[in-house]
Structure formats: C-alpha cells, structure tokens
Amino acid sequence: MNEIIDKIEHIQEQMQHIQEEVLGLQPLLKQLNEQQIKMMTKPLTQQGYALLRSLGILLGGNPFI
C-alpha cells in the first residue's frame, strides 16, 4: 500500500512541476506568431494526448469526456 501512495504522490509532484513549467512558458509563447507556436508546441501536444490516455487508464476510463 505504501508503494502505491508513494507513486501517486510522485505523480502529483511531477504534474505540479509540469503545471508550473507550462505557466512559465505562456509569456514566452506570446512573443511568437501562430505558426511558430504550433511548430514549437507540436511535440508537447502529442505527448499531452499520451499523458491523458495514461491518466484515463489509471482513473478507470476516460474522465475527460
């Protein structure tokens, strides 16, 4: 049980860190035009979908619909 709690807490910490990084990136992206933003964020979008799928599996389905 402790291993599960540790893993969940670790995931929460990582998600908090990602949220902070994204918020810090927003002002920088405002300096780019729309095409540059799409080019720069495309890898994040692809990885983001994979993350959402993984979280959906973890949470027992797709809680985002």
N, C-alpha and C. Protein backbone atom coordinates (compact mmCIF):
# COMPACT_ATOMS: atom_id res chain seq x y z
N MET A 1 0.82 -1.20 0.00
CA MET A 1 0.00 0.00 0.00
C MET A 1 0.87 1.27 0.00
N ASN A 2 1.95 1.26 0.78
CA ASN A 2 2.83 2.43 0.84
C ASN A 2 3.47 2.71 -0.51
N GLU A 3 3.77 1.66 -1.26
CA GLU A 3 4.37 1.85 -2.58
C GLU A 3 3.40 2.58 -3.51
N ILE A 4 2.13 2.22 -3.42
CA ILE A 4 1.12 2.88 -4.24
C ILE A 4 1.00 4.35 -3.86
N ILE A 5 0.95 4.62 -2.58
CA ILE A 5 0.86 6.00 -2.10
C ILE A 5 2.08 6.80 -2.55
N ASP A 6 3.26 6.23 -2.44
CA ASP A 6 4.48 6.90 -2.87
C ASP A 6 4.44 7.23 -4.36
N LYS A 7 3.98 6.29 -5.16
CA LYS A 7 3.92 6.50 -6.61
C LYS A 7 2.90 7.59 -6.96
N ILE A 8 1.75 7.57 -6.30
CA ILE A 8 0.74 8.59 -6.56
C ILE A 8 1.26 9.97 -6.15
N GLU A 9 1.91 10.06 -5.01
CA GLU A 9 2.47 11.35 -4.58
C GLU A 9 3.54 11.83 -5.55
N HIS A 10 4.34 10.91 -6.06
CA HIS A 10 5.37 11.27 -7.04
C HIS A 10 4.74 11.81 -8.33
N ILE A 11 3.68 11.16 -8.79
CA ILE A 11 2.97 11.63 -9.98
C ILE A 11 2.39 13.01 -9.72
N GLN A 12 1.81 13.23 -8.55
CA GLN A 12 1.25 14.55 -8.21
C GLN A 12 2.33 15.62 -8.25
N GLU A 13 3.50 15.32 -7.71
CA GLU A 13 4.61 16.28 -7.72
C GLU A 13 5.04 16.60 -9.15
N GLN A 14 5.12 15.57 -9.97
CA GLN A 14 5.52 15.79 -11.36
C GLN A 14 4.48 16.62 -12.10
N MET A 15 3.21 16.36 -11.85
CA MET A 15 2.15 17.13 -12.50
C MET A 15 2.19 18.59 -12.06
N GLN A 16 2.46 18.83 -10.79
CA GLN A 16 2.58 20.20 -10.29
C GLN A 16 3.75 20.91 -10.97
N HIS A 17 4.85 20.21 -11.11
CA HIS A 17 6.03 20.78 -11.77
C HIS A 17 5.72 21.11 -13.23
N ILE A 18 5.03 20.21 -13.92
CA ILE A 18 4.66 20.46 -15.32
C ILE A 18 3.75 21.68 -15.40
N GLN A 19 2.79 21.79 -14.49
CA GLN A 19 1.89 22.94 -14.50
C GLN A 19 2.68 24.24 -14.34
N GLU A 20 3.63 24.26 -13.44
CA GLU A 20 4.45 25.46 -13.24
C GLU A 20 5.27 25.79 -14.49
N GLU A 21 5.82 24.77 -15.12
CA GLU A 21 6.62 24.97 -16.34
C GLU A 21 5.75 25.54 -17.47
N VAL A 22 4.54 25.00 -17.61
CA VAL A 22 3.64 25.48 -18.65
C VAL A 22 3.26 26.93 -18.41
N LEU A 23 2.94 27.27 -17.17
CA LEU A 23 2.59 28.65 -16.86
C LEU A 23 3.76 29.59 -17.13
N GLY A 24 4.97 29.12 -16.87
CA GLY A 24 6.15 29.94 -17.16
C GLY A 24 6.42 30.08 -18.65
N LEU A 25 5.95 29.14 -19.43
CA LEU A 25 6.16 29.16 -20.88
C LEU A 25 5.18 30.09 -21.59
N GLN A 26 4.02 30.29 -21.02
CA GLN A 26 2.98 31.10 -21.66
C GLN A 26 3.46 32.50 -22.07
N PRO A 27 4.13 33.26 -21.21
CA PRO A 27 4.57 34.60 -21.63
C PRO A 27 5.58 34.54 -22.79
N LEU A 28 6.40 33.50 -22.82
CA LEU A 28 7.38 33.36 -23.90
C LEU A 28 6.70 33.05 -25.23
N LEU A 29 5.66 32.24 -25.18
CA LEU A 29 4.94 31.90 -26.40
C LEU A 29 4.22 33.10 -27.00
N LYS A 30 3.86 34.06 -26.17
CA LYS A 30 3.18 35.26 -26.67
C LYS A 30 4.08 36.08 -27.59
N GLN A 31 5.37 35.83 -27.56
CA GLN A 31 6.32 36.55 -28.40
C GLN A 31 6.38 35.97 -29.81
N LEU A 32 5.76 34.79 -30.02
CA LEU A 32 5.83 34.09 -31.29
C LEU A 32 4.55 34.28 -32.09
N ASN A 33 4.66 34.08 -33.41
CA ASN A 33 3.44 34.10 -34.21
C ASN A 33 2.78 32.73 -34.15
N GLU A 34 1.58 32.63 -34.71
CA GLU A 34 0.78 31.41 -34.58
C GLU A 34 1.48 30.18 -35.17
N GLN A 35 2.12 30.36 -36.32
CA GLN A 35 2.82 29.23 -36.96
C GLN A 35 4.00 28.75 -36.10
N GLN A 36 4.74 29.69 -35.53
CA GLN A 36 5.86 29.32 -34.65
C GLN A 36 5.37 28.59 -33.40
N ILE A 37 4.26 29.05 -32.85
CA ILE A 37 3.70 28.39 -31.66
C ILE A 37 3.32 26.96 -31.98
N LYS A 38 2.65 26.75 -33.11
CA LYS A 38 2.26 25.39 -33.49
C LYS A 38 3.48 24.50 -33.67
N MET A 39 4.50 25.02 -34.31
CA MET A 39 5.72 24.25 -34.55
C MET A 39 6.41 23.89 -33.22
N MET A 40 6.47 24.84 -32.31
CA MET A 40 7.17 24.63 -31.05
C MET A 40 6.40 23.73 -30.10
N THR A 41 5.08 23.78 -30.15
CA THR A 41 4.28 23.04 -29.18
C THR A 41 3.77 21.70 -29.71
N LYS A 42 4.01 21.39 -30.97
CA LYS A 42 3.52 20.13 -31.53
C LYS A 42 3.99 18.91 -30.73
N PRO A 43 5.28 18.81 -30.37
CA PRO A 43 5.70 17.65 -29.56
C PRO A 43 5.00 17.59 -28.20
N LEU A 44 4.72 18.74 -27.62
CA LEU A 44 4.01 18.78 -26.34
C LEU A 44 2.57 18.29 -26.50
N THR A 45 1.96 18.67 -27.60
CA THR A 45 0.58 18.25 -27.86
C THR A 45 0.51 16.74 -27.99
N GLN A 46 1.42 16.16 -28.76
CA GLN A 46 1.43 14.72 -28.94
C GLN A 46 1.66 13.99 -27.62
N GLN A 47 2.61 14.46 -26.84
CA GLN A 47 2.90 13.84 -25.55
C GLN A 47 1.75 14.07 -24.57
N GLY A 48 1.10 15.22 -24.69
CA GLY A 48 -0.04 15.52 -23.82
C GLY A 48 -1.18 14.54 -24.03
N TYR A 49 -1.45 14.20 -25.30
CA TYR A 49 -2.51 13.21 -25.57
C TYR A 49 -2.15 11.86 -24.96
N ALA A 50 -0.89 11.47 -25.07
CA ALA A 50 -0.46 10.20 -24.48
C ALA A 50 -0.63 10.23 -22.96
N LEU A 51 -0.31 11.36 -22.34
CA LEU A 51 -0.47 11.50 -20.90
C LEU A 51 -1.94 11.40 -20.49
N LEU A 52 -2.81 12.06 -21.25
CA LEU A 52 -4.25 12.00 -20.94
C LEU A 52 -4.78 10.57 -21.06
N ARG A 53 -4.32 9.84 -22.07
CA ARG A 53 -4.74 8.44 -22.21
C ARG A 53 -4.27 7.63 -21.01
N SER A 54 -3.02 7.84 -20.59
CA SER A 54 -2.49 7.11 -19.43
C SER A 54 -3.26 7.42 -18.16
N LEU A 55 -3.56 8.69 -17.96
CA LEU A 55 -4.35 9.07 -16.78
C LEU A 55 -5.75 8.48 -16.85
N GLY A 56 -6.32 8.43 -18.03
CA GLY A 56 -7.63 7.83 -18.20
C GLY A 56 -7.63 6.36 -17.81
N ILE A 57 -6.59 5.66 -18.22
CA ILE A 57 -6.46 4.24 -17.85
C ILE A 57 -6.33 4.12 -16.33
N LEU A 58 -5.50 4.95 -15.74
CA LEU A 58 -5.29 4.92 -14.30
C LEU A 58 -6.58 5.18 -13.53
N LEU A 59 -7.38 6.10 -14.05
CA LEU A 59 -8.59 6.51 -13.35
C LEU A 59 -9.81 5.67 -13.74
N GLY A 60 -9.59 4.66 -14.57
CA GLY A 60 -10.68 3.74 -14.88
C GLY A 60 -11.60 4.19 -15.99
N GLY A 61 -11.06 4.65 -17.05
CA GLY A 61 -11.88 5.09 -18.18
C GLY A 61 -11.36 6.42 -18.68
N ASN A 62 -12.23 7.19 -19.26
CA ASN A 62 -11.84 8.50 -19.77
C ASN A 62 -12.61 9.57 -19.01
N PRO A 63 -12.03 10.11 -17.94
CA PRO A 63 -12.74 11.11 -17.14
C PRO A 63 -12.80 12.48 -17.80
N PHE A 64 -12.22 12.63 -19.00
CA PHE A 64 -12.13 13.94 -19.65
C PHE A 64 -13.25 14.16 -20.64
N ILE A 65 -14.18 13.21 -20.73
CA ILE A 65 -15.31 13.36 -21.66
C ILE A 65 -16.58 13.52 -20.84
